[in-house]
């Protein structure tokens, strides 16, 4: 059974050629810089904080093993994971089912280093460092894909999937979330 073009799109960026990934990364940063945004990229460091429990580590390892098993089933038998062959708001319907290439982050990192964007390698996970720098600053946004930022106090969080360039490059649009707006949506007090 061959995949439809929609299904192939859903498999991306898992099957994205590294050269294309590099080009897309450079284009993304170029667009942000075009709008005179100061960008700085934070990378997790080599050590895990005391908050990163063995339970979390085991859970991530199981998820990684499952994603490689799903890819093997697809490669050997053309079997797609159940329930995910529909379009996703994240652009990749199989984002949690298939593993990324081992070179994915290295390719993105290399592309960013070529674009003159300052990068910070944190000692531990980057979350806390980002939160410290962004907290209380109305002109600073944390762009990423980590739900922890919904809960940090006084941070404006922009999930990657909500950041888009408007047609014709006329502007940027993004979903900006704070803990207060999340509390309001859930009808909770902050």
N, C-alpha and C. Protein backbone atom coordinates (compact mmCIF):
# COMPACT_ATOMS: atom_id res chain seq x y z
N UNK A 1 0.85 -1.18 0.00
CA UNK A 1 0.00 0.00 0.00
C UNK A 1 0.89 1.23 0.00
N UNK A 2 0.66 2.15 -0.92
CA UNK A 2 1.46 3.37 -0.96
C UNK A 2 0.76 4.46 -0.17
N UNK A 3 1.54 5.41 0.30
CA UNK A 3 1.01 6.50 1.11
C UNK A 3 0.49 7.62 0.22
N UNK A 4 -0.54 8.28 0.70
CA UNK A 4 -1.06 9.46 0.01
C UNK A 4 -0.12 10.62 0.31
N UNK A 5 -0.24 11.71 -0.44
CA UNK A 5 0.61 12.87 -0.19
C UNK A 5 0.34 13.45 1.20
N UNK A 6 -0.89 13.37 1.67
CA UNK A 6 -1.22 13.85 3.02
C UNK A 6 -0.49 13.01 4.07
N UNK A 7 -0.49 11.69 3.89
CA UNK A 7 0.21 10.83 4.84
C UNK A 7 1.71 11.07 4.81
N UNK A 8 2.28 11.30 3.62
CA UNK A 8 3.71 11.59 3.54
C UNK A 8 4.03 12.88 4.28
N UNK A 9 3.18 13.90 4.13
CA UNK A 9 3.38 15.15 4.85
C UNK A 9 3.33 14.93 6.35
N UNK A 10 2.44 14.05 6.80
CA UNK A 10 2.32 13.77 8.22
C UNK A 10 3.57 13.08 8.77
N UNK A 11 4.29 12.37 7.94
CA UNK A 11 5.49 11.69 8.39
C UNK A 11 6.65 12.66 8.61
N UNK A 12 6.59 13.81 7.96
CA UNK A 12 7.64 14.79 8.13
C UNK A 12 7.57 15.37 9.53
N UNK A 13 8.62 15.79 10.17
CA UNK A 13 10.00 15.86 9.71
C UNK A 13 10.79 14.56 9.93
N UNK A 14 10.14 13.51 10.30
CA UNK A 14 10.85 12.26 10.57
C UNK A 14 11.59 11.73 9.36
N UNK A 15 11.03 11.92 8.17
CA UNK A 15 11.66 11.43 6.96
C UNK A 15 12.23 12.57 6.12
N UNK A 16 12.35 13.74 6.71
CA UNK A 16 12.85 14.92 6.02
C UNK A 16 14.34 14.78 5.73
N UNK A 17 14.76 14.98 4.48
CA UNK A 17 16.20 14.95 4.19
C UNK A 17 16.93 16.02 5.00
N UNK A 18 18.11 15.71 5.50
CA UNK A 18 18.84 16.63 6.37
C UNK A 18 19.14 17.96 5.68
N UNK A 19 19.41 17.94 4.37
CA UNK A 19 19.67 19.18 3.65
C UNK A 19 18.44 20.08 3.66
N UNK A 20 17.28 19.48 3.47
CA UNK A 20 16.02 20.25 3.50
C UNK A 20 15.75 20.76 4.92
N UNK A 21 16.02 19.95 5.92
CA UNK A 21 15.86 20.38 7.31
C UNK A 21 16.74 21.59 7.60
N UNK A 22 17.98 21.55 7.14
CA UNK A 22 18.88 22.69 7.33
C UNK A 22 18.31 23.93 6.65
N UNK A 23 17.86 23.79 5.40
CA UNK A 23 17.32 24.93 4.65
C UNK A 23 16.08 25.51 5.34
N UNK A 24 15.19 24.65 5.84
CA UNK A 24 13.98 25.11 6.52
C UNK A 24 14.35 25.85 7.81
N UNK A 25 15.33 25.35 8.53
CA UNK A 25 15.77 26.00 9.77
C UNK A 25 16.34 27.38 9.48
N UNK A 26 17.20 27.48 8.48
CA UNK A 26 17.79 28.77 8.12
C UNK A 26 16.70 29.75 7.68
N UNK A 27 15.75 29.27 6.88
CA UNK A 27 14.66 30.13 6.43
C UNK A 27 13.81 30.62 7.61
N UNK A 28 13.52 29.74 8.55
CA UNK A 28 12.73 30.10 9.73
C UNK A 28 13.42 31.22 10.52
N UNK A 29 14.69 31.06 10.80
CA UNK A 29 15.43 32.08 11.55
C UNK A 29 15.55 33.36 10.73
N UNK A 30 15.77 33.25 9.44
CA UNK A 30 15.88 34.43 8.58
C UNK A 30 14.60 35.26 8.63
N UNK A 31 13.46 34.58 8.61
CA UNK A 31 12.17 35.29 8.69
C UNK A 31 12.05 36.00 10.03
N UNK A 32 12.40 35.32 11.12
CA UNK A 32 12.31 35.98 12.43
C UNK A 32 13.22 37.20 12.50
N UNK A 33 14.42 37.07 11.97
CA UNK A 33 15.37 38.19 12.00
C UNK A 33 14.90 39.33 11.09
N UNK A 34 14.18 38.99 10.02
CA UNK A 34 13.63 40.00 9.11
C UNK A 34 12.70 40.95 9.86
N UNK A 35 12.00 40.42 10.85
CA UNK A 35 11.07 41.24 11.63
C UNK A 35 11.77 41.85 12.84
N UNK A 36 13.08 41.94 12.75
CA UNK A 36 13.92 42.58 13.77
C UNK A 36 13.70 42.00 15.16
N UNK A 37 13.52 40.71 15.20
CA UNK A 37 13.41 40.03 16.48
C UNK A 37 14.80 39.60 16.92
N UNK A 38 15.10 39.83 18.17
CA UNK A 38 16.35 39.32 18.72
C UNK A 38 16.10 37.88 19.11
N UNK A 39 16.87 37.00 18.55
CA UNK A 39 16.70 35.58 18.84
C UNK A 39 17.93 35.06 19.57
N UNK A 40 17.68 34.17 20.49
CA UNK A 40 18.74 33.48 21.20
C UNK A 40 18.25 32.06 21.44
N UNK A 41 19.09 31.08 21.17
CA UNK A 41 18.71 29.69 21.28
C UNK A 41 19.38 29.08 22.51
N UNK A 42 18.58 28.37 23.30
CA UNK A 42 19.08 27.70 24.50
C UNK A 42 19.03 26.20 24.29
N UNK A 43 20.12 25.54 24.63
CA UNK A 43 20.21 24.08 24.50
C UNK A 43 20.35 23.45 25.87
N UNK A 44 19.71 22.29 26.04
CA UNK A 44 19.91 21.54 27.28
C UNK A 44 21.38 21.19 27.42
N UNK A 45 21.83 21.20 28.65
CA UNK A 45 23.21 20.84 28.93
C UNK A 45 23.37 19.35 29.16
N UNK A 46 24.59 18.93 29.47
CA UNK A 46 24.88 17.51 29.59
C UNK A 46 24.32 16.85 30.85
N UNK A 47 24.13 17.61 31.91
CA UNK A 47 23.65 16.98 33.15
C UNK A 47 22.18 17.24 33.36
N UNK A 48 21.53 16.32 33.99
CA UNK A 48 20.10 16.45 34.31
C UNK A 48 19.96 17.03 35.70
N UNK A 49 18.94 17.84 35.88
CA UNK A 49 18.71 18.42 37.20
C UNK A 49 18.13 17.38 38.14
N UNK A 50 18.09 17.73 39.39
CA UNK A 50 17.52 16.81 40.39
C UNK A 50 16.03 16.60 40.17
N UNK A 51 15.41 17.49 39.36
CA UNK A 51 13.98 17.37 39.07
C UNK A 51 13.69 16.32 37.99
N UNK A 52 14.75 15.94 37.26
CA UNK A 52 14.57 14.96 36.21
C UNK A 52 14.70 13.58 36.83
N UNK A 53 13.58 12.98 37.14
CA UNK A 53 13.56 11.73 37.90
C UNK A 53 13.86 10.52 37.03
N UNK A 54 14.21 9.44 37.71
CA UNK A 54 14.44 8.19 36.98
C UNK A 54 13.15 7.71 36.33
N UNK A 55 12.00 8.02 36.96
CA UNK A 55 10.70 7.65 36.38
C UNK A 55 10.52 8.33 35.02
N UNK A 56 10.84 9.61 34.95
CA UNK A 56 10.73 10.35 33.69
C UNK A 56 11.69 9.78 32.66
N UNK A 57 12.89 9.47 33.09
CA UNK A 57 13.89 8.91 32.19
C UNK A 57 13.43 7.56 31.63
N UNK A 58 12.89 6.70 32.48
CA UNK A 58 12.39 5.40 32.04
C UNK A 58 11.21 5.56 31.08
N UNK A 59 10.33 6.51 31.38
CA UNK A 59 9.16 6.76 30.54
C UNK A 59 9.61 7.21 29.14
N UNK A 60 10.60 8.09 29.07
CA UNK A 60 11.10 8.56 27.78
C UNK A 60 11.78 7.43 27.02
N UNK A 61 12.52 6.58 27.73
CA UNK A 61 13.19 5.46 27.07
C UNK A 61 12.16 4.49 26.49
N UNK A 62 11.09 4.21 27.22
CA UNK A 62 10.02 3.34 26.71
C UNK A 62 9.39 3.94 25.46
N UNK A 63 9.14 5.26 25.51
CA UNK A 63 8.54 5.94 24.36
C UNK A 63 9.47 5.88 23.14
N UNK A 64 10.79 6.03 23.38
CA UNK A 64 11.76 5.93 22.29
C UNK A 64 11.75 4.52 21.69
N UNK A 65 11.74 3.52 22.55
CA UNK A 65 11.69 2.13 22.07
C UNK A 65 10.43 1.88 21.25
N UNK A 66 9.29 2.39 21.72
CA UNK A 66 8.03 2.22 20.98
C UNK A 66 8.09 2.91 19.62
N UNK A 67 8.71 4.09 19.56
CA UNK A 67 8.76 4.82 18.29
C UNK A 67 9.64 4.08 17.28
N UNK A 68 10.73 3.47 17.75
CA UNK A 68 11.57 2.69 16.83
C UNK A 68 10.85 1.44 16.37
N UNK A 69 10.07 0.82 17.25
CA UNK A 69 9.28 -0.36 16.87
C UNK A 69 8.23 0.01 15.83
N UNK A 70 7.59 1.17 15.99
CA UNK A 70 6.59 1.63 15.03
C UNK A 70 7.23 1.89 13.67
N UNK A 71 8.43 2.47 13.67
CA UNK A 71 9.13 2.71 12.40
C UNK A 71 9.50 1.39 11.73
N UNK A 72 9.93 0.42 12.53
CA UNK A 72 10.26 -0.89 11.99
C UNK A 72 9.03 -1.54 11.34
N UNK A 73 7.88 -1.45 11.99
CA UNK A 73 6.64 -2.01 11.43
C UNK A 73 6.28 -1.33 10.12
N UNK A 74 6.51 -0.02 10.07
CA UNK A 74 6.21 0.70 8.83
C UNK A 74 7.18 0.28 7.72
N UNK A 75 8.48 0.22 8.03
CA UNK A 75 9.48 -0.11 7.02
C UNK A 75 9.33 -1.55 6.51
N UNK A 76 9.05 -2.48 7.40
CA UNK A 76 8.96 -3.88 7.01
C UNK A 76 7.63 -4.24 6.36
N UNK A 77 6.54 -3.69 6.90
CA UNK A 77 5.22 -4.13 6.48
C UNK A 77 4.28 -3.03 5.99
N UNK A 78 4.75 -1.77 6.03
CA UNK A 78 3.90 -0.66 5.60
C UNK A 78 2.78 -0.35 6.57
N UNK A 79 2.92 -0.80 7.82
CA UNK A 79 1.87 -0.59 8.83
C UNK A 79 2.08 0.76 9.50
N UNK A 80 1.04 1.59 9.45
CA UNK A 80 1.08 2.89 10.12
C UNK A 80 0.48 2.74 11.51
N UNK A 81 0.95 3.52 12.48
CA UNK A 81 0.37 3.46 13.83
C UNK A 81 -1.13 3.74 13.81
N UNK A 82 -1.87 3.06 14.66
CA UNK A 82 -3.33 3.20 14.72
C UNK A 82 -3.75 4.61 15.11
N UNK A 83 -4.80 5.08 14.44
CA UNK A 83 -5.46 6.32 14.85
C UNK A 83 -4.72 7.59 14.52
N UNK A 84 -3.57 7.51 13.88
CA UNK A 84 -2.82 8.73 13.62
C UNK A 84 -2.73 9.09 12.15
N UNK A 85 -3.46 8.39 11.27
CA UNK A 85 -3.34 8.72 9.87
C UNK A 85 -4.25 9.88 9.47
N UNK A 86 -4.58 10.74 10.38
CA UNK A 86 -5.36 11.92 10.04
C UNK A 86 -4.48 13.15 10.22
N UNK A 87 -4.89 14.23 9.66
CA UNK A 87 -4.11 15.45 9.74
C UNK A 87 -3.98 15.90 11.18
N UNK A 88 -2.85 16.47 11.50
CA UNK A 88 -2.58 16.91 12.86
C UNK A 88 -2.35 18.41 12.88
N UNK A 89 -2.76 19.06 13.95
CA UNK A 89 -2.53 20.49 14.09
C UNK A 89 -1.05 20.78 14.26
N UNK A 90 -0.25 19.76 14.54
CA UNK A 90 1.19 19.95 14.70
C UNK A 90 1.93 19.71 13.40
N UNK A 91 1.22 19.48 12.29
CA UNK A 91 1.86 19.31 11.01
C UNK A 91 2.41 17.93 10.78
N UNK A 92 2.62 17.19 11.82
CA UNK A 92 3.17 15.85 11.69
C UNK A 92 2.29 14.90 12.47
N UNK A 93 1.44 14.18 11.77
CA UNK A 93 0.49 13.29 12.43
C UNK A 93 1.13 12.14 13.16
N UNK A 94 2.41 11.88 12.90
CA UNK A 94 3.08 10.76 13.53
C UNK A 94 4.19 11.26 14.47
N UNK A 95 4.08 12.47 14.92
CA UNK A 95 5.09 13.09 15.76
C UNK A 95 5.43 12.34 17.01
N UNK A 96 4.49 11.62 17.57
CA UNK A 96 4.75 10.88 18.80
C UNK A 96 4.95 9.39 18.52
N UNK A 97 4.83 9.00 17.26
CA UNK A 97 4.89 7.58 16.94
C UNK A 97 6.20 7.14 16.30
N UNK A 98 6.84 8.01 15.51
CA UNK A 98 8.08 7.66 14.84
C UNK A 98 9.23 8.45 15.42
N UNK A 99 10.42 7.88 15.44
CA UNK A 99 11.58 8.59 16.00
C UNK A 99 12.14 9.60 15.00
N UNK A 100 12.78 10.62 15.53
CA UNK A 100 13.50 11.55 14.68
C UNK A 100 14.85 10.93 14.33
N UNK A 101 15.43 11.38 13.25
CA UNK A 101 16.76 10.94 12.87
C UNK A 101 17.74 11.30 13.99
N UNK A 102 18.77 10.49 14.14
CA UNK A 102 19.81 10.79 15.13
C UNK A 102 20.54 12.09 14.79
N UNK A 103 20.47 12.49 13.53
CA UNK A 103 21.15 13.71 13.09
C UNK A 103 20.24 14.94 13.10
N UNK A 104 18.99 14.76 13.51
CA UNK A 104 18.02 15.86 13.47
C UNK A 104 18.51 17.09 14.24
N UNK A 105 18.79 16.92 15.53
CA UNK A 105 19.22 18.06 16.35
C UNK A 105 20.57 18.62 15.90
N UNK A 106 21.48 17.75 15.50
CA UNK A 106 22.79 18.23 15.05
C UNK A 106 22.64 19.07 13.79
N UNK A 107 21.72 18.69 12.91
CA UNK A 107 21.48 19.45 11.68
C UNK A 107 20.89 20.82 12.00
N UNK A 108 19.91 20.84 12.89
CA UNK A 108 19.30 22.12 13.30
C UNK A 108 20.35 23.00 13.97
N UNK A 109 21.13 22.42 14.86
CA UNK A 109 22.17 23.17 15.58
C UNK A 109 23.18 23.77 14.60
N UNK A 110 23.61 22.99 13.63
CA UNK A 110 24.56 23.48 12.63
C UNK A 110 23.95 24.63 11.82
N UNK A 111 22.71 24.47 11.40
CA UNK A 111 22.05 25.53 10.62
C UNK A 111 21.95 26.81 11.43
N UNK A 112 21.62 26.68 12.71
CA UNK A 112 21.52 27.87 13.57
C UNK A 112 22.88 28.53 13.77
N UNK A 113 23.92 27.73 13.88
CA UNK A 113 25.26 28.30 14.07
C UNK A 113 25.71 29.08 12.84
N UNK A 114 25.20 28.71 11.66
CA UNK A 114 25.54 29.41 10.43
C UNK A 114 24.75 30.71 10.26
N UNK A 115 23.73 30.92 11.08
CA UNK A 115 22.86 32.09 10.92
C UNK A 115 23.19 33.20 11.92
N UNK A 116 24.27 33.06 12.65
CA UNK A 116 24.72 34.08 13.60
C UNK A 116 23.76 34.32 14.75
N UNK A 117 22.92 33.36 15.06
CA UNK A 117 22.03 33.47 16.20
C UNK A 117 22.81 33.04 17.43
N UNK A 118 22.85 33.88 18.48
CA UNK A 118 23.58 33.48 19.69
C UNK A 118 22.95 32.24 20.31
N UNK A 119 23.81 31.32 20.75
CA UNK A 119 23.33 30.10 21.38
C UNK A 119 23.95 29.95 22.76
N UNK A 120 23.15 29.44 23.68
CA UNK A 120 23.58 29.21 25.05
C UNK A 120 23.41 27.73 25.35
N UNK A 121 24.48 27.10 25.80
CA UNK A 121 24.39 25.71 26.24
C UNK A 121 24.33 25.76 27.76
N UNK A 122 23.20 25.34 28.30
CA UNK A 122 22.99 25.39 29.74
C UNK A 122 23.71 24.23 30.43
N UNK A 123 23.92 24.34 31.72
CA UNK A 123 24.56 23.26 32.46
C UNK A 123 23.62 22.06 32.58
N UNK A 124 22.34 22.35 32.75
CA UNK A 124 21.33 21.30 32.88
C UNK A 124 20.28 21.53 31.80
N UNK A 125 19.02 21.22 32.10
CA UNK A 125 17.96 21.50 31.15
C UNK A 125 17.80 23.01 30.99
N UNK A 126 17.44 23.43 29.80
CA UNK A 126 17.36 24.86 29.48
C UNK A 126 16.13 25.54 30.07
N UNK A 127 15.12 24.77 30.48
CA UNK A 127 13.86 25.34 30.96
C UNK A 127 14.04 26.42 32.01
N UNK A 128 14.78 26.10 33.05
CA UNK A 128 14.92 27.02 34.17
C UNK A 128 15.65 28.30 33.76
N UNK A 129 16.69 28.17 32.96
CA UNK A 129 17.44 29.34 32.50
C UNK A 129 16.56 30.23 31.63
N UNK A 130 15.79 29.63 30.74
CA UNK A 130 14.85 30.40 29.92
C UNK A 130 13.82 31.11 30.79
N UNK A 131 13.28 30.39 31.74
CA UNK A 131 12.26 30.97 32.63
C UNK A 131 12.81 32.16 33.40
N UNK A 132 14.03 32.04 33.91
CA UNK A 132 14.64 33.15 34.66
C UNK A 132 14.80 34.39 33.79
N UNK A 133 15.26 34.19 32.57
CA UNK A 133 15.51 35.33 31.67
C UNK A 133 14.22 35.97 31.16
N UNK A 134 13.19 35.17 30.95
CA UNK A 134 11.96 35.68 30.35
C UNK A 134 10.94 36.18 31.36
N UNK A 135 11.05 35.76 32.60
CA UNK A 135 10.04 36.08 33.61
C UNK A 135 9.89 37.59 33.81
N UNK A 136 8.67 38.05 33.64
CA UNK A 136 8.36 39.45 33.90
C UNK A 136 8.71 40.41 32.79
N UNK A 137 9.30 39.95 31.70
CA UNK A 137 9.67 40.83 30.61
C UNK A 137 8.58 40.79 29.53
N UNK A 138 7.84 41.89 29.36
CA UNK A 138 6.73 41.90 28.40
C UNK A 138 7.18 41.85 26.94
N UNK A 139 8.48 42.06 26.69
CA UNK A 139 9.00 42.03 25.32
C UNK A 139 9.73 40.74 24.99
N UNK A 140 9.64 39.76 25.87
CA UNK A 140 10.36 38.52 25.66
C UNK A 140 9.38 37.35 25.59
N UNK A 141 9.63 36.46 24.64
CA UNK A 141 8.79 35.29 24.44
C UNK A 141 9.67 34.05 24.44
N UNK A 142 9.18 33.00 25.03
CA UNK A 142 9.85 31.71 24.97
C UNK A 142 9.14 30.91 23.89
N UNK A 143 9.88 30.59 22.83
CA UNK A 143 9.33 29.80 21.73
C UNK A 143 9.90 28.40 21.88
N UNK A 144 9.04 27.41 21.93
CA UNK A 144 9.52 26.04 22.09
C UNK A 144 8.40 25.04 21.96
N UNK A 145 8.70 23.84 22.43
CA UNK A 145 7.70 22.79 22.40
C UNK A 145 7.82 22.01 23.71
N UNK A 146 7.46 22.69 24.79
CA UNK A 146 7.59 22.11 26.12
C UNK A 146 6.46 22.65 26.99
N UNK A 147 5.54 21.80 27.34
CA UNK A 147 4.35 22.25 28.07
C UNK A 147 4.68 22.80 29.46
N UNK A 148 5.88 22.58 29.96
CA UNK A 148 6.26 23.17 31.26
C UNK A 148 6.11 24.68 31.26
N UNK A 149 6.30 25.32 30.11
CA UNK A 149 6.24 26.78 30.05
C UNK A 149 4.83 27.34 30.22
N UNK A 150 3.83 26.50 30.13
CA UNK A 150 2.48 26.95 30.44
C UNK A 150 2.34 27.28 31.93
N UNK A 151 3.22 26.71 32.74
CA UNK A 151 3.07 26.80 34.19
C UNK A 151 4.04 27.75 34.88
N UNK A 152 5.09 28.16 34.19
CA UNK A 152 6.01 29.13 34.80
C UNK A 152 5.30 30.46 34.98
N UNK A 153 5.61 31.12 36.07
CA UNK A 153 4.97 32.40 36.39
C UNK A 153 5.53 33.52 35.50
N UNK A 154 4.61 34.32 34.96
CA UNK A 154 4.94 35.56 34.25
C UNK A 154 5.84 35.35 33.03
N UNK A 155 5.54 34.31 32.26
CA UNK A 155 6.27 34.03 31.03
C UNK A 155 5.29 33.99 29.87
N UNK A 156 5.69 34.55 28.75
CA UNK A 156 4.88 34.49 27.53
C UNK A 156 5.43 33.35 26.68
N UNK A 157 4.65 32.29 26.56
CA UNK A 157 5.09 31.08 25.88
C UNK A 157 4.42 30.96 24.52
N UNK A 158 5.22 30.69 23.50
CA UNK A 158 4.74 30.50 22.14
C UNK A 158 5.11 29.09 21.70
N UNK A 159 4.14 28.16 21.67
CA UNK A 159 4.45 26.82 21.17
C UNK A 159 4.81 26.88 19.68
N UNK A 160 5.86 26.16 19.28
CA UNK A 160 6.28 26.16 17.87
C UNK A 160 5.13 26.00 16.87
N UNK A 161 4.21 25.05 17.10
CA UNK A 161 3.16 24.86 16.10
C UNK A 161 2.24 26.07 15.89
N UNK A 162 2.26 27.03 16.83
CA UNK A 162 1.38 28.20 16.67
C UNK A 162 2.08 29.36 15.97
N UNK A 163 3.38 29.26 15.76
CA UNK A 163 4.15 30.33 15.13
C UNK A 163 4.11 30.15 13.62
N UNK A 164 3.66 31.18 12.91
CA UNK A 164 3.54 31.08 11.46
C UNK A 164 3.82 32.43 10.80
N UNK A 165 4.33 32.34 9.60
CA UNK A 165 4.52 33.54 8.78
C UNK A 165 3.25 33.70 7.96
N UNK A 166 2.71 34.90 7.98
CA UNK A 166 1.49 35.16 7.22
C UNK A 166 1.81 35.13 5.72
N UNK A 167 0.81 34.78 4.89
CA UNK A 167 1.03 34.68 3.44
C UNK A 167 1.67 35.95 2.89
N UNK A 168 2.63 35.74 1.99
CA UNK A 168 3.32 36.87 1.39
C UNK A 168 4.35 37.50 2.31
N UNK A 169 4.60 36.88 3.46
CA UNK A 169 5.59 37.41 4.39
C UNK A 169 5.19 38.72 5.03
N UNK A 170 3.87 38.99 5.11
CA UNK A 170 3.38 40.27 5.64
C UNK A 170 3.52 40.40 7.14
N UNK A 171 3.75 39.33 7.82
CA UNK A 171 3.86 39.41 9.27
C UNK A 171 3.93 38.03 9.90
N UNK A 172 4.01 38.03 11.18
CA UNK A 172 4.05 36.79 11.95
C UNK A 172 2.77 36.68 12.77
N UNK A 173 2.36 35.46 12.98
CA UNK A 173 1.26 35.24 13.91
C UNK A 173 1.69 34.13 14.85
N UNK A 174 1.19 34.20 16.08
CA UNK A 174 1.58 33.19 17.07
C UNK A 174 0.54 33.14 18.17
N UNK A 175 0.41 31.98 18.76
CA UNK A 175 -0.40 31.83 19.95
C UNK A 175 0.49 32.11 21.15
N UNK A 176 0.12 33.10 21.94
CA UNK A 176 0.93 33.46 23.10
C UNK A 176 0.17 33.06 24.35
N UNK A 177 0.80 32.24 25.17
CA UNK A 177 0.15 31.69 26.36
C UNK A 177 0.90 32.09 27.62
N UNK A 178 0.14 32.33 28.66
CA UNK A 178 0.71 32.59 29.98
C UNK A 178 0.00 31.69 30.99
N UNK A 179 0.57 31.59 32.15
CA UNK A 179 -0.07 30.79 33.20
C UNK A 179 -1.43 31.38 33.55
N UNK A 180 -1.53 32.70 33.54
CA UNK A 180 -2.79 33.37 33.88
C UNK A 180 -3.87 33.04 32.85
N UNK A 181 -3.52 33.06 31.55
CA UNK A 181 -4.53 32.74 30.54
C UNK A 181 -4.92 31.27 30.60
N UNK A 182 -3.97 30.41 30.92
CA UNK A 182 -4.29 28.99 31.08
C UNK A 182 -5.23 28.80 32.25
N UNK A 183 -4.96 29.48 33.38
CA UNK A 183 -5.83 29.37 34.55
C UNK A 183 -7.24 29.87 34.23
N UNK A 184 -7.33 30.95 33.48
CA UNK A 184 -8.64 31.48 33.09
C UNK A 184 -9.40 30.48 32.22
N UNK A 185 -8.69 29.90 31.25
CA UNK A 185 -9.33 28.91 30.36
C UNK A 185 -9.84 27.68 31.15
N UNK A 186 -9.12 27.33 32.20
CA UNK A 186 -9.50 26.18 33.02
C UNK A 186 -10.42 26.56 34.17
N UNK A 187 -10.78 27.87 34.19
CA UNK A 187 -11.63 28.41 35.25
C UNK A 187 -11.04 28.17 36.64
N UNK A 188 -9.74 28.44 36.73
CA UNK A 188 -9.02 28.33 38.00
C UNK A 188 -8.49 29.71 38.38
N UNK A 189 -8.18 29.88 39.63
CA UNK A 189 -7.55 31.11 40.06
C UNK A 189 -6.05 30.92 40.02
N UNK A 190 -5.33 31.95 39.58
CA UNK A 190 -3.88 31.84 39.56
C UNK A 190 -3.30 32.14 40.91
